[in-house]
Amino acid sequence: MSPGASAPGRRGAQRANAVGMLKRIAAALLALGLAGAAPAQEPAAVPATGTLQAAFTPGDPADRMIIEAIGRARREVLVQAYTFTHRKIASALIRAQQRGVTVRVVADAQQAANVPNSILPALTRGGVEVFLDAAHEAAHNKVMVIDAPGPDAAVITGSYNFTYSAQSRNAENLLLIRGNHALARAYREDWLRHREHATPFAHP
């Protein structure tokens, strides 16, 4: 614009530049998939069926609830773990694998690398398939899905890490849901989604 341009002319040029910049930003966001996306779908509701058992630590034997549930598994146990150091829970998973139950674990990759007493190497030595999820800031799920779907399906969830600290020192909660087929199927499908981008764990 020439030095002699009028104030209205300058304002018009500034508006045009701003509009052009906004259009370029919108185009860039659209190219990155950050604009124009459909709104997120509401999570599906499932019937409130089955039985619920809750544990609160320290105090309640949450680890014993988990071990007993694993002991009742007949076909499959799928685990999502953030920190996993509880040897008795790991031993229950290995025993299940040895009696013919398919046991597979998806664990947080950073915790697997940084926690020196992680039980993941012992699980793999016991024949359990272990995968590491590094696709998120934290793979923070603490879940077990047992024999889903089916009449004996069970879901274990809550804040409870599979650690001795969660059992004896931390304020944690654990929820065991039995007999809710739709819920167990939803948790199993979520496990499978994370398994797709996880990589096999290779211990030294």
N, C-alpha and C. Protein backbone atom coordinates (compact mmCIF):
# COMPACT_ATOMS: atom_id res chain seq x y z
N MET A 1 0.86 -1.19 0.00
CA MET A 1 0.00 0.00 0.00
C MET A 1 0.89 1.23 0.00
N SER A 2 0.52 2.25 -0.76
CA SER A 2 1.34 3.44 -0.91
C SER A 2 1.28 4.28 0.34
N PRO A 3 2.34 5.13 0.61
CA PRO A 3 2.35 5.98 1.80
C PRO A 3 1.16 6.92 1.86
N GLY A 4 0.59 7.26 0.72
CA GLY A 4 -0.50 8.22 0.73
C GLY A 4 -1.87 7.63 0.87
N ALA A 5 -1.95 6.33 1.15
CA ALA A 5 -3.26 5.69 1.24
C ALA A 5 -4.03 6.24 2.42
N SER A 6 -5.35 6.32 2.30
CA SER A 6 -6.19 6.86 3.37
C SER A 6 -6.33 5.86 4.50
N ALA A 7 -6.79 6.37 5.70
CA ALA A 7 -7.01 5.50 6.86
C ALA A 7 -8.05 4.43 6.58
N PRO A 8 -9.21 4.80 5.94
CA PRO A 8 -10.17 3.74 5.62
C PRO A 8 -9.56 2.68 4.71
N GLY A 9 -8.71 3.12 3.79
CA GLY A 9 -8.08 2.14 2.90
C GLY A 9 -7.16 1.21 3.65
N ARG A 10 -6.42 1.80 4.62
CA ARG A 10 -5.51 0.96 5.41
C ARG A 10 -6.31 -0.05 6.24
N ARG A 11 -7.41 0.41 6.85
CA ARG A 11 -8.23 -0.50 7.65
C ARG A 11 -8.80 -1.62 6.79
N GLY A 12 -9.21 -1.29 5.59
CA GLY A 12 -9.74 -2.32 4.69
C GLY A 12 -8.69 -3.36 4.35
N ALA A 13 -7.46 -2.89 4.11
CA ALA A 13 -6.39 -3.83 3.79
C ALA A 13 -6.07 -4.71 4.98
N GLN A 14 -6.10 -4.12 6.20
CA GLN A 14 -5.83 -4.91 7.40
C GLN A 14 -6.89 -5.99 7.60
N ARG A 15 -8.16 -5.60 7.34
CA ARG A 15 -9.23 -6.60 7.48
C ARG A 15 -9.04 -7.72 6.48
N ALA A 16 -8.69 -7.36 5.28
CA ALA A 16 -8.49 -8.37 4.24
C ALA A 16 -7.34 -9.31 4.61
N ASN A 17 -6.26 -8.73 5.17
CA ASN A 17 -5.13 -9.57 5.60
C ASN A 17 -5.54 -10.52 6.73
N ALA A 18 -6.33 -9.98 7.68
CA ALA A 18 -6.76 -10.81 8.80
C ALA A 18 -7.65 -11.94 8.32
N VAL A 19 -8.58 -11.63 7.42
CA VAL A 19 -9.47 -12.66 6.89
C VAL A 19 -8.66 -13.72 6.15
N GLY A 20 -7.68 -13.26 5.37
CA GLY A 20 -6.85 -14.21 4.65
C GLY A 20 -6.08 -15.12 5.60
N MET A 21 -5.57 -14.52 6.69
CA MET A 21 -4.82 -15.32 7.66
C MET A 21 -5.73 -16.36 8.32
N LEU A 22 -6.94 -15.95 8.69
CA LEU A 22 -7.87 -16.89 9.30
C LEU A 22 -8.21 -18.03 8.35
N LYS A 23 -8.37 -17.71 7.09
CA LYS A 23 -8.67 -18.76 6.12
C LYS A 23 -7.51 -19.74 6.01
N ARG A 24 -6.27 -19.20 6.03
CA ARG A 24 -5.11 -20.09 5.93
C ARG A 24 -4.99 -20.98 7.17
N ILE A 25 -5.28 -20.42 8.38
CA ILE A 25 -5.25 -21.21 9.60
C ILE A 25 -6.31 -22.30 9.56
N ALA A 26 -7.53 -21.94 9.12
CA ALA A 26 -8.60 -22.92 9.03
C ALA A 26 -8.24 -24.04 8.07
N ALA A 27 -7.63 -23.68 6.94
CA ALA A 27 -7.23 -24.71 5.97
C ALA A 27 -6.18 -25.63 6.56
N ALA A 28 -5.23 -25.05 7.33
CA ALA A 28 -4.19 -25.87 7.93
C ALA A 28 -4.78 -26.82 8.98
N LEU A 29 -5.71 -26.32 9.80
CA LEU A 29 -6.35 -27.16 10.79
C LEU A 29 -7.15 -28.27 10.15
N LEU A 30 -7.84 -27.94 9.07
CA LEU A 30 -8.62 -28.95 8.37
C LEU A 30 -7.72 -30.03 7.82
N ALA A 31 -6.57 -29.63 7.29
CA ALA A 31 -5.63 -30.61 6.75
C ALA A 31 -5.10 -31.52 7.84
N LEU A 32 -4.97 -31.00 9.07
CA LEU A 32 -4.49 -31.81 10.19
C LEU A 32 -5.60 -32.61 10.86
N GLY A 33 -6.82 -32.42 10.38
CA GLY A 33 -7.93 -33.13 10.98
C GLY A 33 -8.42 -32.52 12.27
N LEU A 34 -8.07 -31.24 12.53
CA LEU A 34 -8.45 -30.60 13.78
C LEU A 34 -9.66 -29.69 13.63
N ALA A 35 -10.15 -29.53 12.44
CA ALA A 35 -11.32 -28.69 12.23
C ALA A 35 -12.29 -29.44 11.34
N GLY A 36 -13.56 -29.16 11.50
CA GLY A 36 -14.57 -29.78 10.67
C GLY A 36 -14.87 -31.22 11.04
N ALA A 37 -14.33 -31.73 12.15
CA ALA A 37 -14.57 -33.11 12.54
C ALA A 37 -15.95 -33.23 13.14
N ALA A 38 -16.54 -34.42 12.97
CA ALA A 38 -17.84 -34.67 13.55
C ALA A 38 -17.72 -34.71 15.07
N PRO A 39 -18.72 -34.28 15.78
CA PRO A 39 -18.66 -34.33 17.24
C PRO A 39 -18.51 -35.77 17.72
N ALA A 40 -17.85 -35.95 18.87
CA ALA A 40 -17.62 -37.28 19.41
C ALA A 40 -18.96 -37.95 19.72
N GLN A 41 -19.00 -39.24 19.47
CA GLN A 41 -20.22 -40.00 19.73
C GLN A 41 -20.37 -40.24 21.22
N GLU A 42 -21.60 -40.16 21.70
CA GLU A 42 -21.85 -40.42 23.11
C GLU A 42 -21.58 -41.89 23.41
N PRO A 43 -20.92 -42.18 24.54
CA PRO A 43 -20.71 -43.58 24.92
C PRO A 43 -22.04 -44.31 25.05
N ALA A 44 -22.05 -45.57 24.61
CA ALA A 44 -23.27 -46.36 24.68
C ALA A 44 -23.58 -46.73 26.13
N ALA A 45 -24.84 -46.71 26.47
CA ALA A 45 -25.28 -47.15 27.79
C ALA A 45 -25.56 -48.64 27.74
N VAL A 46 -25.22 -49.35 28.80
CA VAL A 46 -25.49 -50.78 28.87
C VAL A 46 -26.37 -51.04 30.08
N PRO A 47 -27.17 -52.11 30.04
CA PRO A 47 -28.06 -52.40 31.18
C PRO A 47 -27.27 -52.66 32.46
N ALA A 48 -27.81 -52.24 33.59
CA ALA A 48 -27.17 -52.44 34.88
C ALA A 48 -27.54 -53.83 35.40
N THR A 49 -26.91 -54.85 34.83
CA THR A 49 -27.18 -56.23 35.21
C THR A 49 -25.96 -56.83 35.89
N GLY A 50 -26.12 -58.02 36.44
CA GLY A 50 -25.00 -58.72 37.06
C GLY A 50 -24.86 -58.35 38.51
N THR A 51 -23.71 -58.72 39.08
CA THR A 51 -23.42 -58.44 40.48
C THR A 51 -22.18 -57.57 40.59
N LEU A 52 -22.14 -56.76 41.63
CA LEU A 52 -21.04 -55.84 41.87
C LEU A 52 -20.40 -56.16 43.22
N GLN A 53 -19.07 -56.11 43.25
CA GLN A 53 -18.34 -56.26 44.50
C GLN A 53 -17.26 -55.20 44.54
N ALA A 54 -17.25 -54.39 45.57
CA ALA A 54 -16.30 -53.27 45.68
C ALA A 54 -15.33 -53.53 46.82
N ALA A 55 -14.10 -53.03 46.64
CA ALA A 55 -13.08 -53.10 47.69
C ALA A 55 -12.38 -51.75 47.76
N PHE A 56 -11.98 -51.38 48.98
CA PHE A 56 -11.32 -50.10 49.20
C PHE A 56 -10.06 -50.36 50.04
N THR A 57 -8.94 -49.86 49.54
CA THR A 57 -7.68 -50.07 50.25
C THR A 57 -7.14 -48.73 50.76
N PRO A 58 -6.29 -48.80 51.81
CA PRO A 58 -5.90 -50.03 52.52
C PRO A 58 -7.05 -50.54 53.38
N GLY A 59 -7.06 -51.83 53.59
CA GLY A 59 -8.10 -52.42 54.42
C GLY A 59 -8.72 -53.63 53.79
N ASP A 60 -9.43 -53.45 52.68
CA ASP A 60 -10.10 -54.57 52.02
C ASP A 60 -9.10 -55.40 51.20
N PRO A 61 -9.34 -56.70 51.09
CA PRO A 61 -8.40 -57.58 50.36
C PRO A 61 -8.64 -57.54 48.86
N ALA A 62 -8.37 -56.42 48.24
CA ALA A 62 -8.60 -56.28 46.81
C ALA A 62 -7.75 -57.25 46.02
N ASP A 63 -6.49 -57.45 46.44
CA ASP A 63 -5.64 -58.37 45.70
C ASP A 63 -6.19 -59.79 45.73
N ARG A 64 -6.77 -60.19 46.86
CA ARG A 64 -7.37 -61.53 46.94
C ARG A 64 -8.58 -61.65 46.02
N MET A 65 -9.38 -60.59 45.91
CA MET A 65 -10.50 -60.61 44.97
C MET A 65 -10.02 -60.83 43.54
N ILE A 66 -8.94 -60.14 43.17
CA ILE A 66 -8.40 -60.28 41.82
C ILE A 66 -7.89 -61.69 41.59
N ILE A 67 -7.14 -62.22 42.54
CA ILE A 67 -6.56 -63.57 42.39
C ILE A 67 -7.66 -64.62 42.30
N GLU A 68 -8.71 -64.49 43.10
CA GLU A 68 -9.82 -65.44 43.04
C GLU A 68 -10.56 -65.35 41.70
N ALA A 69 -10.73 -64.15 41.18
CA ALA A 69 -11.39 -63.99 39.87
C ALA A 69 -10.56 -64.62 38.76
N ILE A 70 -9.24 -64.43 38.81
CA ILE A 70 -8.37 -65.06 37.82
C ILE A 70 -8.46 -66.58 37.94
N GLY A 71 -8.54 -67.08 39.17
CA GLY A 71 -8.63 -68.51 39.39
C GLY A 71 -9.89 -69.13 38.82
N ARG A 72 -10.94 -68.34 38.65
CA ARG A 72 -12.19 -68.84 38.07
C ARG A 72 -12.23 -68.73 36.55
N ALA A 73 -11.22 -68.10 35.95
CA ALA A 73 -11.20 -67.92 34.48
C ALA A 73 -11.09 -69.28 33.80
N ARG A 74 -11.79 -69.42 32.69
CA ARG A 74 -11.77 -70.66 31.93
C ARG A 74 -11.30 -70.49 30.49
N ARG A 75 -11.42 -69.31 29.94
CA ARG A 75 -11.06 -69.14 28.53
C ARG A 75 -10.02 -68.05 28.29
N GLU A 76 -10.21 -66.88 28.92
CA GLU A 76 -9.39 -65.73 28.53
C GLU A 76 -9.34 -64.71 29.67
N VAL A 77 -8.16 -64.16 29.87
CA VAL A 77 -7.97 -63.01 30.77
C VAL A 77 -7.18 -61.95 30.01
N LEU A 78 -7.78 -60.80 29.80
CA LEU A 78 -7.13 -59.66 29.14
C LEU A 78 -6.88 -58.59 30.19
N VAL A 79 -5.65 -58.11 30.24
CA VAL A 79 -5.23 -57.18 31.28
C VAL A 79 -4.75 -55.88 30.66
N GLN A 80 -5.16 -54.76 31.24
CA GLN A 80 -4.54 -53.46 30.96
C GLN A 80 -3.93 -52.98 32.27
N ALA A 81 -2.63 -52.68 32.25
CA ALA A 81 -1.92 -52.34 33.47
C ALA A 81 -1.09 -51.09 33.27
N TYR A 82 -1.05 -50.26 34.29
CA TYR A 82 -0.16 -49.10 34.30
C TYR A 82 1.16 -49.50 34.97
N THR A 83 1.13 -49.71 36.26
CA THR A 83 2.28 -50.24 36.99
C THR A 83 1.91 -51.63 37.50
N PHE A 84 2.81 -52.60 37.28
CA PHE A 84 2.49 -53.98 37.66
C PHE A 84 3.69 -54.56 38.41
N THR A 85 3.56 -54.67 39.74
CA THR A 85 4.64 -55.21 40.56
C THR A 85 4.17 -56.29 41.52
N HIS A 86 2.87 -56.59 41.55
CA HIS A 86 2.31 -57.51 42.54
C HIS A 86 2.56 -58.95 42.09
N ARG A 87 3.49 -59.64 42.77
CA ARG A 87 3.91 -60.96 42.34
C ARG A 87 2.82 -62.01 42.48
N LYS A 88 1.98 -61.90 43.49
CA LYS A 88 0.93 -62.91 43.66
C LYS A 88 -0.11 -62.81 42.56
N ILE A 89 -0.44 -61.59 42.14
CA ILE A 89 -1.37 -61.43 41.02
C ILE A 89 -0.74 -61.95 39.74
N ALA A 90 0.55 -61.65 39.54
CA ALA A 90 1.25 -62.16 38.37
C ALA A 90 1.28 -63.69 38.38
N SER A 91 1.53 -64.28 39.54
CA SER A 91 1.56 -65.74 39.63
C SER A 91 0.21 -66.35 39.29
N ALA A 92 -0.88 -65.70 39.69
CA ALA A 92 -2.21 -66.19 39.35
C ALA A 92 -2.43 -66.15 37.84
N LEU A 93 -1.94 -65.11 37.19
CA LEU A 93 -2.05 -65.05 35.72
C LEU A 93 -1.23 -66.15 35.06
N ILE A 94 -0.04 -66.40 35.56
CA ILE A 94 0.80 -67.46 34.99
C ILE A 94 0.14 -68.82 35.18
N ARG A 95 -0.42 -69.07 36.36
CA ARG A 95 -1.12 -70.34 36.59
C ARG A 95 -2.30 -70.50 35.64
N ALA A 96 -3.02 -69.41 35.39
CA ALA A 96 -4.13 -69.48 34.44
C ALA A 96 -3.62 -69.83 33.04
N GLN A 97 -2.53 -69.20 32.61
CA GLN A 97 -1.94 -69.50 31.31
C GLN A 97 -1.54 -70.98 31.24
N GLN A 98 -0.97 -71.50 32.31
CA GLN A 98 -0.49 -72.88 32.32
C GLN A 98 -1.62 -73.89 32.30
N ARG A 99 -2.80 -73.51 32.76
CA ARG A 99 -3.93 -74.46 32.71
C ARG A 99 -4.76 -74.29 31.44
N GLY A 100 -4.28 -73.50 30.50
CA GLY A 100 -4.92 -73.41 29.19
C GLY A 100 -5.73 -72.17 28.94
N VAL A 101 -5.76 -71.23 29.87
CA VAL A 101 -6.45 -69.95 29.66
C VAL A 101 -5.54 -69.03 28.85
N THR A 102 -6.09 -68.33 27.88
CA THR A 102 -5.34 -67.34 27.12
C THR A 102 -5.20 -66.08 27.97
N VAL A 103 -3.97 -65.72 28.32
CA VAL A 103 -3.72 -64.55 29.16
C VAL A 103 -2.83 -63.59 28.37
N ARG A 104 -3.30 -62.35 28.21
CA ARG A 104 -2.54 -61.34 27.49
C ARG A 104 -2.61 -60.02 28.24
N VAL A 105 -1.50 -59.29 28.23
CA VAL A 105 -1.37 -58.06 29.00
C VAL A 105 -0.94 -56.93 28.08
N VAL A 106 -1.62 -55.79 28.18
CA VAL A 106 -1.17 -54.54 27.56
C VAL A 106 -0.78 -53.61 28.69
N ALA A 107 0.48 -53.17 28.69
CA ALA A 107 1.00 -52.36 29.78
C ALA A 107 1.56 -51.04 29.27
N ASP A 108 1.65 -50.08 30.17
CA ASP A 108 2.21 -48.77 29.83
C ASP A 108 3.70 -48.90 29.53
N ALA A 109 4.13 -48.40 28.39
CA ALA A 109 5.52 -48.57 27.96
C ALA A 109 6.50 -47.85 28.87
N GLN A 110 6.16 -46.63 29.29
CA GLN A 110 7.09 -45.85 30.11
C GLN A 110 7.28 -46.49 31.48
N GLN A 111 6.19 -46.96 32.08
CA GLN A 111 6.31 -47.62 33.38
C GLN A 111 7.11 -48.93 33.26
N ALA A 112 6.91 -49.63 32.16
CA ALA A 112 7.67 -50.87 31.96
C ALA A 112 9.16 -50.60 31.91
N ALA A 113 9.55 -49.46 31.35
CA ALA A 113 10.97 -49.13 31.23
C ALA A 113 11.54 -48.55 32.51
N ASN A 114 10.71 -47.86 33.31
CA ASN A 114 11.24 -47.08 34.43
C ASN A 114 11.04 -47.70 35.80
N VAL A 115 10.22 -48.73 35.91
CA VAL A 115 9.97 -49.35 37.21
C VAL A 115 10.87 -50.57 37.35
N PRO A 116 11.86 -50.53 38.22
CA PRO A 116 12.84 -51.61 38.26
C PRO A 116 12.27 -52.95 38.72
N ASN A 117 11.23 -52.94 39.54
CA ASN A 117 10.66 -54.20 40.02
C ASN A 117 9.39 -54.58 39.27
N SER A 118 9.27 -54.12 38.02
CA SER A 118 8.13 -54.51 37.19
C SER A 118 8.09 -56.02 37.04
N ILE A 119 6.89 -56.57 37.07
CA ILE A 119 6.70 -58.01 36.99
C ILE A 119 6.55 -58.49 35.55
N LEU A 120 6.61 -57.59 34.58
CA LEU A 120 6.38 -57.97 33.19
C LEU A 120 7.36 -59.03 32.69
N PRO A 121 8.66 -58.94 33.01
CA PRO A 121 9.56 -60.01 32.55
C PRO A 121 9.16 -61.39 33.07
N ALA A 122 8.73 -61.46 34.33
CA ALA A 122 8.30 -62.74 34.89
C ALA A 122 7.06 -63.27 34.17
N LEU A 123 6.17 -62.38 33.80
CA LEU A 123 4.98 -62.81 33.05
C LEU A 123 5.37 -63.44 31.71
N THR A 124 6.26 -62.79 31.00
CA THR A 124 6.65 -63.35 29.70
C THR A 124 7.38 -64.68 29.87
N ARG A 125 8.21 -64.79 30.90
CA ARG A 125 8.87 -66.08 31.15
C ARG A 125 7.86 -67.17 31.49
N GLY A 126 6.73 -66.77 32.06
CA GLY A 126 5.69 -67.72 32.39
C GLY A 126 4.76 -68.04 31.24
N GLY A 127 5.04 -67.50 30.05
CA GLY A 127 4.24 -67.81 28.87
C GLY A 127 3.13 -66.84 28.57
N VAL A 128 3.02 -65.76 29.35
CA VAL A 128 1.98 -64.75 29.12
C VAL A 128 2.45 -63.78 28.04
N GLU A 129 1.58 -63.49 27.08
CA GLU A 129 1.89 -62.48 26.06
C GLU A 129 1.76 -61.09 26.67
N VAL A 130 2.80 -60.27 26.52
CA VAL A 130 2.81 -58.91 27.06
C VAL A 130 3.10 -57.94 25.94
N PHE A 131 2.34 -56.86 25.88
CA PHE A 131 2.50 -55.82 24.87
C PHE A 131 2.62 -54.47 25.57
N LEU A 132 3.36 -53.56 24.95
CA LEU A 132 3.57 -52.22 25.51
C LEU A 132 2.84 -51.18 24.68
N ASP A 133 2.09 -50.34 25.37
CA ASP A 133 1.31 -49.27 24.75
C ASP A 133 2.03 -47.95 24.97
N ALA A 134 2.59 -47.40 23.89
CA ALA A 134 3.30 -46.12 23.97
C ALA A 134 2.58 -45.03 23.19
N ALA A 135 1.32 -45.26 22.84
CA ALA A 135 0.60 -44.32 21.97
C ALA A 135 -0.05 -43.18 22.74
N HIS A 136 0.08 -43.17 24.06
CA HIS A 136 -0.61 -42.17 24.88
C HIS A 136 0.38 -41.55 25.86
N GLU A 137 0.01 -40.41 26.42
CA GLU A 137 0.82 -39.83 27.49
C GLU A 137 0.99 -40.83 28.62
N ALA A 138 -0.08 -41.55 28.92
CA ALA A 138 0.00 -42.66 29.87
C ALA A 138 -1.08 -43.67 29.50
N ALA A 139 -0.69 -44.94 29.42
CA ALA A 139 -1.67 -46.03 29.27
C ALA A 139 -2.13 -46.38 30.68
N HIS A 140 -3.09 -45.63 31.17
CA HIS A 140 -3.38 -45.56 32.61
C HIS A 140 -4.52 -46.48 33.04
N ASN A 141 -5.01 -47.32 32.15
CA ASN A 141 -6.07 -48.24 32.52
C ASN A 141 -5.56 -49.30 33.49
N LYS A 142 -6.43 -49.68 34.43
CA LYS A 142 -6.17 -50.80 35.34
C LYS A 142 -7.39 -51.71 35.24
N VAL A 143 -7.33 -52.66 34.33
CA VAL A 143 -8.51 -53.43 33.94
C VAL A 143 -8.14 -54.89 33.75
N MET A 144 -9.05 -55.78 34.13
CA MET A 144 -9.00 -57.17 33.70
C MET A 144 -10.36 -57.54 33.15
N VAL A 145 -10.36 -58.20 32.00
CA VAL A 145 -11.59 -58.68 31.37
C VAL A 145 -11.47 -60.20 31.30
N ILE A 146 -12.40 -60.88 31.93
CA ILE A 146 -12.31 -62.33 32.09
C ILE A 146 -13.48 -63.01 31.39
N ASP A 147 -13.14 -63.94 30.49
CA ASP A 147 -14.13 -64.80 29.82
C ASP A 147 -15.26 -64.00 29.17
N ALA A 148 -14.90 -62.95 28.46
CA ALA A 148 -15.92 -62.12 27.78
C ALA A 148 -15.93 -62.43 26.30
N PRO A 149 -17.11 -62.38 25.66
CA PRO A 149 -18.42 -62.36 26.31
C PRO A 149 -18.82 -63.78 26.71
N GLY A 150 -19.77 -63.91 27.59
CA GLY A 150 -20.20 -65.22 28.03
C GLY A 150 -20.88 -65.14 29.38
N PRO A 151 -21.49 -66.24 29.81
CA PRO A 151 -22.26 -66.21 31.06
C PRO A 151 -21.42 -65.95 32.30
N ASP A 152 -20.12 -66.28 32.22
CA ASP A 152 -19.25 -66.08 33.38
C ASP A 152 -18.34 -64.86 33.23
N ALA A 153 -18.69 -63.95 32.33
CA ALA A 153 -17.85 -62.78 32.07
C ALA A 153 -17.71 -61.92 33.32
N ALA A 154 -16.51 -61.38 33.50
CA ALA A 154 -16.24 -60.49 34.63
C ALA A 154 -15.34 -59.36 34.17
N VAL A 155 -15.54 -58.20 34.78
CA VAL A 155 -14.69 -57.02 34.53
C VAL A 155 -14.18 -56.55 35.88
N ILE A 156 -12.88 -56.31 35.96
CA ILE A 156 -12.26 -55.71 37.13
C ILE A 156 -11.72 -54.35 36.73
N THR A 157 -12.07 -53.31 37.46
CA THR A 157 -11.61 -51.97 37.12
C THR A 157 -11.53 -51.13 38.39
N GLY A 158 -11.14 -49.88 38.25
CA GLY A 158 -10.99 -48.98 39.39
C GLY A 158 -9.64 -48.31 39.35
N SER A 159 -9.29 -47.64 40.43
CA SER A 159 -8.01 -46.93 40.48
C SER A 159 -6.85 -47.84 40.86
N TYR A 160 -7.15 -49.05 41.28
CA TYR A 160 -6.18 -49.96 41.88
C TYR A 160 -5.14 -50.43 40.87
N ASN A 161 -3.88 -49.97 41.02
CA ASN A 161 -2.78 -50.55 40.26
C ASN A 161 -2.49 -51.94 40.81
N PHE A 162 -1.89 -52.78 39.97
CA PHE A 162 -1.57 -54.13 40.41
C PHE A 162 -0.20 -54.12 41.11
N THR A 163 -0.19 -53.48 42.28
CA THR A 163 1.03 -53.26 43.05
C THR A 163 0.76 -53.51 44.53
N TYR A 164 1.83 -53.76 45.28
CA TYR A 164 1.69 -53.90 46.73
C TYR A 164 1.35 -52.55 47.37
N SER A 165 1.84 -51.46 46.79
CA SER A 165 1.51 -50.14 47.34
C SER A 165 0.02 -49.88 47.25
N ALA A 166 -0.60 -50.28 46.14
CA ALA A 166 -2.04 -50.08 46.00
C ALA A 166 -2.81 -50.86 47.06
N GLN A 167 -2.26 -52.01 47.44
CA GLN A 167 -2.95 -52.85 48.43
C GLN A 167 -2.73 -52.36 49.86
N SER A 168 -1.52 -51.96 50.19
CA SER A 168 -1.19 -51.76 51.60
C SER A 168 -0.98 -50.31 52.01
N ARG A 169 -0.70 -49.42 51.04
CA ARG A 169 -0.36 -48.04 51.43
C ARG A 169 -1.26 -46.97 50.81
N ASN A 170 -1.77 -47.22 49.63
CA ASN A 170 -2.53 -46.19 48.92
C ASN A 170 -4.02 -46.27 49.25
N ALA A 171 -4.71 -45.15 49.06
CA ALA A 171 -6.17 -45.13 49.09
C ALA A 171 -6.66 -45.41 47.68
N GLU A 172 -7.16 -46.62 47.45
CA GLU A 172 -7.55 -47.07 46.12
C GLU A 172 -8.94 -47.71 46.18
N ASN A 173 -9.53 -47.89 45.01
CA ASN A 173 -10.80 -48.61 44.92
C ASN A 173 -10.73 -49.64 43.82
N LEU A 174 -11.48 -50.71 44.00
CA LEU A 174 -11.55 -51.79 43.02
C LEU A 174 -13.00 -52.21 42.88
N LEU A 175 -13.43 -52.42 41.63
CA LEU A 175 -14.80 -52.85 41.38
C LEU A 175 -14.77 -54.11 40.51
N LEU A 176 -15.45 -55.16 40.97
CA LEU A 176 -15.56 -56.41 40.23
C LEU A 176 -17.01 -56.57 39.79
N ILE A 177 -17.23 -56.61 38.48
CA ILE A 177 -18.57 -56.73 37.91
C ILE A 177 -18.68 -58.09 37.24
N ARG A 178 -19.62 -58.90 37.67
CA ARG A 178 -19.84 -60.23 37.08
C ARG A 178 -21.19 -60.27 36.36
N GLY A 179 -21.23 -61.00 35.25
CA GLY A 179 -22.49 -61.30 34.59
C GLY A 179 -23.07 -60.20 33.74
N ASN A 180 -22.32 -59.12 33.49
CA ASN A 180 -22.81 -58.06 32.60
C ASN A 180 -22.12 -58.24 31.25
N HIS A 181 -22.78 -58.97 30.35
CA HIS A 181 -22.16 -59.35 29.09
C HIS A 181 -21.83 -58.14 28.22
N ALA A 182 -22.75 -57.18 28.15
CA ALA A 182 -22.54 -56.01 27.30
C ALA A 182 -21.35 -55.19 27.79
N LEU A 183 -21.25 -55.02 29.09
CA LEU A 183 -20.13 -54.25 29.64
C LEU A 183 -18.81 -54.98 29.40
N ALA A 184 -18.80 -56.29 29.62
CA ALA A 184 -17.58 -57.06 29.40
C ALA A 184 -17.16 -57.00 27.94
N ARG A 185 -18.14 -57.05 27.03
CA ARG A 185 -17.82 -56.95 25.60
C ARG A 185 -17.21 -55.58 25.28
N ALA A 186 -17.75 -54.52 25.86
CA ALA A 186 -17.22 -53.17 25.60
C ALA A 186 -15.79 -53.04 26.10
N TYR A 187 -15.52 -53.57 27.28
CA TYR A 187 -14.14 -53.52 27.81
C TYR A 187 -13.20 -54.37 26.97
N ARG A 188 -13.68 -55.51 26.50
CA ARG A 188 -12.84 -56.35 25.65
C ARG A 188 -12.51 -55.64 24.34
N GLU A 189 -13.50 -54.99 23.75
CA GLU A 189 -13.26 -54.27 22.50
C GLU A 189 -12.27 -53.13 22.70
N ASP A 190 -12.33 -52.45 23.85
CA ASP A 190 -11.36 -51.40 24.12
C ASP A 190 -9.96 -51.99 24.28
N TRP A 191 -9.86 -53.14 24.95
CA TRP A 191 -8.55 -53.81 25.07
C TRP A 191 -7.98 -54.10 23.68
N LEU A 192 -8.83 -54.61 22.80
CA LEU A 192 -8.36 -54.95 21.45
C LEU A 192 -7.91 -53.71 20.69
N ARG A 193 -8.58 -52.56 20.90
CA ARG A 193 -8.16 -51.33 20.22
C ARG A 193 -6.75 -50.93 20.66
N HIS A 194 -6.45 -51.07 21.94
CA HIS A 194 -5.11 -50.72 22.41
C HIS A 194 -4.08 -51.77 21.99
N ARG A 195 -4.49 -53.00 21.92
CA ARG A 195 -3.57 -54.04 21.45
C ARG A 195 -3.12 -53.76 20.01
N GLU A 196 -3.97 -53.18 19.19
CA GLU A 196 -3.63 -52.94 17.79
C GLU A 196 -2.43 -52.03 17.65
N HIS A 197 -2.26 -51.05 18.53
CA HIS A 197 -1.11 -50.15 18.38
C HIS A 197 0.00 -50.43 19.39
N ALA A 198 -0.17 -51.47 20.19
CA ALA A 198 0.89 -51.85 21.13
C ALA A 198 1.91 -52.75 20.45
N THR A 199 3.10 -52.83 21.04
CA THR A 199 4.18 -53.64 20.48
C THR A 199 4.58 -54.73 21.47
N PRO A 200 5.04 -55.87 20.99
CA PRO A 200 5.43 -56.95 21.91
C PRO A 200 6.55 -56.52 22.86
N PHE A 201 6.40 -56.95 24.10
CA PHE A 201 7.43 -56.65 25.11
C PHE A 201 8.57 -57.65 24.98
N ALA A 202 9.78 -57.13 24.89
CA ALA A 202 10.98 -57.97 24.82
C ALA A 202 11.86 -57.63 26.00
N HIS A 203 11.93 -58.51 26.98
CA HIS A 203 12.76 -58.22 28.16
C HIS A 203 14.20 -58.67 27.90
N PRO A 204 15.15 -58.06 28.61
CA PRO A 204 16.55 -58.41 28.40
C PRO A 204 16.82 -59.89 28.67
